[in-house]
Structures are given as C-alpha cells and as structure tokens.
C-alpha cells in the first residue's frame, strides 16, 4: 500500500496545527484591546446570531463542554453575557451576549475586517479565500464522517 495517504495526513495535520497556533496568536492580538481573550471572543462569537446552550457551543467549536462552561461563567461574571431560560431544556440555559459583550465584539471588528481584507488579498482575492474555506469545511466533514464510521465499525 502506498504511503501517500499517510504522508498527506501527516502534512495536513501539521499544517492545521500550525494554522491553529497562528489563528490563536492573531486572535489574542485582535481581542486584547477589547479586554477579551481569543477564547472569550470565540465563545461570545458563537452566540452573536442566537443564544445557544453551552453544549451546543462546544459542539460547534469542537471543544469540550467543560471548557466552554468555564469561559461562559467568566463572561457572565464580567457582565459580557447572561444565561437565559431555554424553552427546549429546563436545565441547559442559553448563553447570550449582553450589550457590553456586543460592544466588546464591536471593538474587535475593525481590526478583524482589516486582517480579513489583507488575508484575502494575500490568497489572491475573495474567490480564492472562499475556496480555502470550502476545502477546510470539506476536510472537516470528511474527517468527521471517517471517525463516525470507525466508531460504528469498532
């Protein structure tokens, strides 16, 4: 059997780990002037469109529920988010941003937009950036499908 798929997996994993580190570093720089960390920004960002339970945020972000719970509690403590009743589940409250949380995110937006524009240009334009997102989404979906299939098989 060819080693090509195994080598491609290793190169992909190393590239994604490097990207993760780069994204975390740039996110920390962007979030810091707003008084947030990258993790706080990530959790607040997950509930900008609609309030979500902690477990839903964790699933969307691909991290543990406990990690999100810790950050959510800190956001609530600092007045950047609130827990709201969840009509679908009595015990799993919904996390929602407060006006202060929305204002903090708004302070990040100019730097975020500027970086997005520079990154799109460095990739060769918006179409190339969109294709990069599609490839990453496809990779994530494929890995999830392979893992689910191996869970059923094993």
C-alpha atoms as a PDB file:
ATOM      1  CA  UNK A   1       0.000   0.000   0.000  1.00  0.00           C
ATOM      2  CA  UNK A   2       1.233   3.471  -0.862  1.00  0.00           C
ATOM      3  CA  UNK A   3       2.407   5.758   1.930  1.00  0.00           C
ATOM      4  CA  UNK A   4       0.998   8.766   0.058  1.00  0.00           C
ATOM      5  CA  UNK A   5      -2.288   8.986   2.039  1.00  0.00           C
ATOM      6  CA  UNK A   6      -0.428   8.590   5.339  1.00  0.00           C
ATOM      7  CA  UNK A   7       2.120  11.245   4.377  1.00  0.00           C
ATOM      8  CA  UNK A   8      -0.684  13.572   3.218  1.00  0.00           C
ATOM      9  CA  UNK A   9      -2.487  13.080   6.542  1.00  0.00           C
ATOM     10  CA  UNK A  10       0.687  13.898   8.479  1.00  0.00           C
ATOM     11  CA  UNK A  11       1.389  17.010   6.374  1.00  0.00           C
ATOM     12  CA  UNK A  12      -2.253  18.108   6.703  1.00  0.00           C
ATOM     13  CA  UNK A  13      -2.281  17.628  10.466  1.00  0.00           C
ATOM     14  CA  UNK A  14       0.970  19.552  10.905  1.00  0.00           C
ATOM     15  CA  UNK A  15      -0.340  22.346   8.676  1.00  0.00           C
ATOM     16  CA  UNK A  16      -3.596  22.567  10.617  1.00  0.00           C
ATOM     17  CA  UNK A  17      -1.739  22.560  13.961  1.00  0.00           C
ATOM     18  CA  UNK A  18       0.447  25.418  12.690  1.00  0.00           C
ATOM     19  CA  UNK A  19      -2.623  27.298  11.417  1.00  0.00           C
ATOM     20  CA  UNK A  20      -4.317  26.797  14.771  1.00  0.00           C
ATOM     21  CA  UNK A  21      -1.354  28.376  16.535  1.00  0.00           C
ATOM     22  CA  UNK A  22      -1.290  31.254  14.056  1.00  0.00           C
ATOM     23  CA  UNK A  23      -5.028  31.856  14.416  1.00  0.00           C
ATOM     24  CA  UNK A  24      -4.800  31.766  18.216  1.00  0.00           C
ATOM     25  CA  UNK A  25      -1.933  34.279  18.217  1.00  0.00           C
ATOM     26  CA  UNK A  26      -3.656  36.712  15.837  1.00  0.00           C
ATOM     27  CA  UNK A  27      -6.960  36.287  17.710  1.00  0.00           C
ATOM     28  CA  UNK A  28      -5.274  37.157  21.011  1.00  0.00           C
ATOM     29  CA  UNK A  29      -3.825  40.317  19.417  1.00  0.00           C
ATOM     30  CA  UNK A  30      -7.192  41.323  17.956  1.00  0.00           C
ATOM     31  CA  UNK A  31      -9.169  40.589  21.134  1.00  0.00           C
ATOM     32  CA  UNK A  32      -6.791  42.167  23.656  1.00  0.00           C
ATOM     33  CA  UNK A  33      -7.744  45.838  23.061  1.00  0.00           C
ATOM     34  CA  UNK A  34     -11.397  44.888  23.702  1.00  0.00           C
ATOM     35  CA  UNK A  35     -10.453  43.329  27.050  1.00  0.00           C
ATOM     36  CA  UNK A  36     -11.110  39.808  25.784  1.00  0.00           C
ATOM     37  CA  UNK A  37      -9.028  36.716  25.194  1.00  0.00           C
ATOM     38  CA  UNK A  38      -9.242  34.695  21.996  1.00  0.00           C
ATOM     39  CA  UNK A  39     -11.258  32.056  23.871  1.00  0.00           C
ATOM     40  CA  UNK A  40     -13.713  34.630  25.246  1.00  0.00           C
ATOM     41  CA  UNK A  41     -14.111  36.129  21.761  1.00  0.00           C
ATOM     42  CA  UNK A  42     -14.684  32.664  20.314  1.00  0.00           C
ATOM     43  CA  UNK A  43     -17.451  31.826  22.808  1.00  0.00           C
ATOM     44  CA  UNK A  44     -19.111  35.243  22.504  1.00  0.00           C
ATOM     45  CA  UNK A  45     -18.875  34.984  18.723  1.00  0.00           C
ATOM     46  CA  UNK A  46     -20.706  31.663  18.804  1.00  0.00           C
ATOM     47  CA  UNK A  47     -23.803  33.312  20.325  1.00  0.00           C
ATOM     48  CA  UNK A  48     -23.952  36.530  18.303  1.00  0.00           C
ATOM     49  CA  UNK A  49     -26.677  35.271  15.938  1.00  0.00           C
ATOM     50  CA  UNK A  50     -28.687  33.375  18.544  1.00  0.00           C
ATOM     51  CA  UNK A  51     -28.327  32.256  22.147  1.00  0.00           C
ATOM     52  CA  UNK A  52     -27.064  28.682  22.481  1.00  0.00           C
ATOM     53  CA  UNK A  53     -26.599  26.172  25.289  1.00  0.00           C
ATOM     54  CA  UNK A  54     -23.030  25.538  26.386  1.00  0.00           C
ATOM     55  CA  UNK A  55     -23.113  22.028  24.880  1.00  0.00           C
ATOM     56  CA  UNK A  56     -24.179  23.482  21.515  1.00  0.00           C
ATOM     57  CA  UNK A  57     -21.340  25.997  21.573  1.00  0.00           C
ATOM     58  CA  UNK A  58     -18.871  23.226  22.407  1.00  0.00           C
ATOM     59  CA  UNK A  59     -20.116  21.057  19.531  1.00  0.00           C
ATOM     60  CA  UNK A  60     -19.876  23.947  17.055  1.00  0.00           C
ATOM     61  CA  UNK A  61     -16.353  24.798  18.205  1.00  0.00           C
ATOM     62  CA  UNK A  62     -15.113  21.222  18.531  1.00  0.00           C
ATOM     63  CA  UNK A  63     -14.000  21.613  22.146  1.00  0.00           C
ATOM     64  CA  UNK A  64     -15.181  20.198  25.458  1.00  0.00           C
ATOM     65  CA  UNK A  65     -18.356  21.344  27.152  1.00  0.00           C
ATOM     66  CA  UNK A  66     -16.347  21.917  30.341  1.00  0.00           C
ATOM     67  CA  UNK A  67     -14.011  24.373  28.591  1.00  0.00           C
ATOM     68  CA  UNK A  68     -16.939  26.351  27.215  1.00  0.00           C
ATOM     69  CA  UNK A  69     -18.716  26.248  30.593  1.00  0.00           C
ATOM     70  CA  UNK A  70     -15.689  27.756  32.344  1.00  0.00           C
ATOM     71  CA  UNK A  71     -15.432  30.577  29.783  1.00  0.00           C
ATOM     72  CA  UNK A  72     -19.208  31.159  29.760  1.00  0.00           C
ATOM     73  CA  UNK A  73     -19.206  31.504  33.552  1.00  0.00           C
ATOM     74  CA  UNK A  74     -16.404  34.083  33.325  1.00  0.00           C
ATOM     75  CA  UNK A  75     -18.245  36.019  30.603  1.00  0.00           C
ATOM     76  CA  UNK A  76     -21.377  36.078  32.769  1.00  0.00           C
ATOM     77  CA  UNK A  77     -19.359  37.067  35.846  1.00  0.00           C
ATOM     78  CA  UNK A  78     -17.860  40.018  33.943  1.00  0.00           C
ATOM     79  CA  UNK A  79     -21.209  41.147  32.509  1.00  0.00           C
ATOM     80  CA  UNK A  80     -20.378  40.262  28.901  1.00  0.00           C
ATOM     81  CA  UNK A  81     -23.010  37.506  28.655  1.00  0.00           C
ATOM     82  CA  UNK A  82     -26.067  36.237  30.512  1.00  0.00           C
ATOM     83  CA  UNK A  83     -27.742  32.894  30.979  1.00  0.00           C
ATOM     84  CA  UNK A  84     -31.310  32.859  29.695  1.00  0.00           C
ATOM     85  CA  UNK A  85     -34.050  30.249  30.068  1.00  0.00           C
ATOM     86  CA  UNK A  86     -34.050  27.554  27.392  1.00  0.00           C
ATOM     87  CA  UNK A  87     -37.566  26.618  26.281  1.00  0.00           C
ATOM     88  CA  UNK A  88     -36.229  23.339  24.857  1.00  0.00           C
ATOM     89  CA  UNK A  89     -34.444  22.214  28.029  1.00  0.00           C
ATOM     90  CA  UNK A  90     -35.162  23.328  31.581  1.00  0.00           C
ATOM     91  CA  UNK A  91     -31.640  22.768  32.953  1.00  0.00           C
ATOM     92  CA  UNK A  92     -29.464  23.730  29.943  1.00  0.00           C
ATOM     93  CA  UNK A  93     -29.610  27.524  29.985  1.00  0.00           C
ATOM     94  CA  UNK A  94     -28.865  29.536  26.857  1.00  0.00           C
ATOM     95  CA  UNK A  95     -25.848  31.841  26.729  1.00  0.00           C
ATOM     96  CA  UNK A  96     -26.492  35.246  25.170  1.00  0.00           C
ATOM     97  CA  UNK A  97     -24.272  38.330  24.844  1.00  0.00           C
ATOM     98  CA  UNK A  98     -25.112  41.457  26.823  1.00  0.00           C
ATOM     99  CA  UNK A  99     -24.810  44.978  25.441  1.00  0.00           C
ATOM    100  CA  UNK A 100     -21.324  45.086  26.998  1.00  0.00           C
ATOM    101  CA  UNK A 101     -20.431  41.824  25.229  1.00  0.00           C
ATOM    102  CA  UNK A 102     -21.707  43.144  21.912  1.00  0.00           C
ATOM    103  CA  UNK A 103     -19.743  46.369  22.434  1.00  0.00           C
ATOM    104  CA  UNK A 104     -16.558  44.372  23.106  1.00  0.00           C
ATOM    105  CA  UNK A 105     -17.069  42.402  19.889  1.00  0.00           C
ATOM    106  CA  UNK A 106     -17.714  45.663  18.013  1.00  0.00           C
ATOM    107  CA  UNK A 107     -14.322  46.977  19.212  1.00  0.00           C
ATOM    108  CA  UNK A 108     -12.648  43.960  17.583  1.00  0.00           C
ATOM    109  CA  UNK A 109     -14.487  44.336  14.270  1.00  0.00           C
ATOM    110  CA  UNK A 110     -12.273  46.993  12.580  1.00  0.00           C
ATOM    111  CA  UNK A 111      -9.063  45.014  13.128  1.00  0.00           C
ATOM    112  CA  UNK A 112     -10.824  41.804  12.172  1.00  0.00           C
ATOM    113  CA  UNK A 113     -12.110  43.344   8.933  1.00  0.00           C
ATOM    114  CA  UNK A 114      -8.695  44.789   8.102  1.00  0.00           C
ATOM    115  CA  UNK A 115      -6.975  41.429   8.653  1.00  0.00           C
ATOM    116  CA  UNK A 116      -9.639  39.637   6.574  1.00  0.00           C
ATOM    117  CA  UNK A 117      -9.033  42.033   3.683  1.00  0.00           C
ATOM    118  CA  UNK A 118      -5.267  41.603   3.840  1.00  0.00           C
ATOM    119  CA  UNK A 119      -5.576  37.838   4.056  1.00  0.00           C
ATOM    120  CA  UNK A 120      -7.986  37.714   1.093  1.00  0.00           C
ATOM    121  CA  UNK A 121      -5.507  39.772  -0.938  1.00  0.00           C
ATOM    122  CA  UNK A 122      -2.595  37.524   0.075  1.00  0.00           C
ATOM    123  CA  UNK A 123      -4.600  34.465  -1.029  1.00  0.00           C
ATOM    124  CA  UNK A 124      -5.297  36.016  -4.448  1.00  0.00           C
ATOM    125  CA  UNK A 125      -8.732  37.515  -3.873  1.00  0.00           C
ATOM    126  CA  UNK A 126     -12.085  36.732  -2.299  1.00  0.00           C
ATOM    127  CA  UNK A 127     -12.802  33.782  -4.612  1.00  0.00           C
ATOM    128  CA  UNK A 128      -9.560  32.105  -3.522  1.00  0.00           C
ATOM    129  CA  UNK A 129     -10.388  32.817   0.128  1.00  0.00           C
ATOM    130  CA  UNK A 130     -13.866  31.308  -0.330  1.00  0.00           C
ATOM    131  CA  UNK A 131     -12.323  28.210  -1.934  1.00  0.00           C
ATOM    132  CA  UNK A 132      -9.944  27.856   1.023  1.00  0.00           C
ATOM    133  CA  UNK A 133     -12.935  27.874   3.370  1.00  0.00           C
ATOM    134  CA  UNK A 134     -14.720  25.257   1.234  1.00  0.00           C
ATOM    135  CA  UNK A 135     -11.659  22.974   1.281  1.00  0.00           C
ATOM    136  CA  UNK A 136     -11.314  23.271   5.058  1.00  0.00           C
ATOM    137  CA  UNK A 137     -15.042  22.584   5.518  1.00  0.00           C
ATOM    138  CA  UNK A 138     -14.757  19.557   3.229  1.00  0.00           C
ATOM    139  CA  UNK A 139     -11.749  18.247   5.165  1.00  0.00           C
ATOM    140  CA  UNK A 140     -13.560  18.679   8.478  1.00  0.00           C
ATOM    141  CA  UNK A 141     -16.692  16.923   7.196  1.00  0.00           C
ATOM    142  CA  UNK A 142     -14.639  14.059   5.740  1.00  0.00           C
ATOM    143  CA  UNK A 143     -12.712  13.539   8.973  1.00  0.00           C
ATOM    144  CA  UNK A 144     -15.951  13.595  10.945  1.00  0.00           C
ATOM    145  CA  UNK A 145     -17.508  11.014   8.590  1.00  0.00           C
ATOM    146  CA  UNK A 146     -14.451   8.751   8.806  1.00  0.00           C
ATOM    147  CA  UNK A 147     -14.442   8.977  12.600  1.00  0.00           C
ATOM    148  CA  UNK A 148     -18.179   8.281  12.820  1.00  0.00           C
ATOM    149  CA  UNK A 149     -17.802   5.269  10.503  1.00  0.00           C
ATOM    150  CA  UNK A 150     -14.891   3.898  12.525  1.00  0.00           C
ATOM    151  CA  UNK A 151     -16.958   4.363  15.709  1.00  0.00           C
ATOM    152  CA  UNK A 152     -19.731   2.270  14.173  1.00  0.00           C
ATOM    153  CA  UNK A 153     -17.267  -0.327  12.935  1.00  0.00           C
ATOM    154  CA  UNK A 154     -15.250  -0.648  16.113  1.00  0.00           C
END
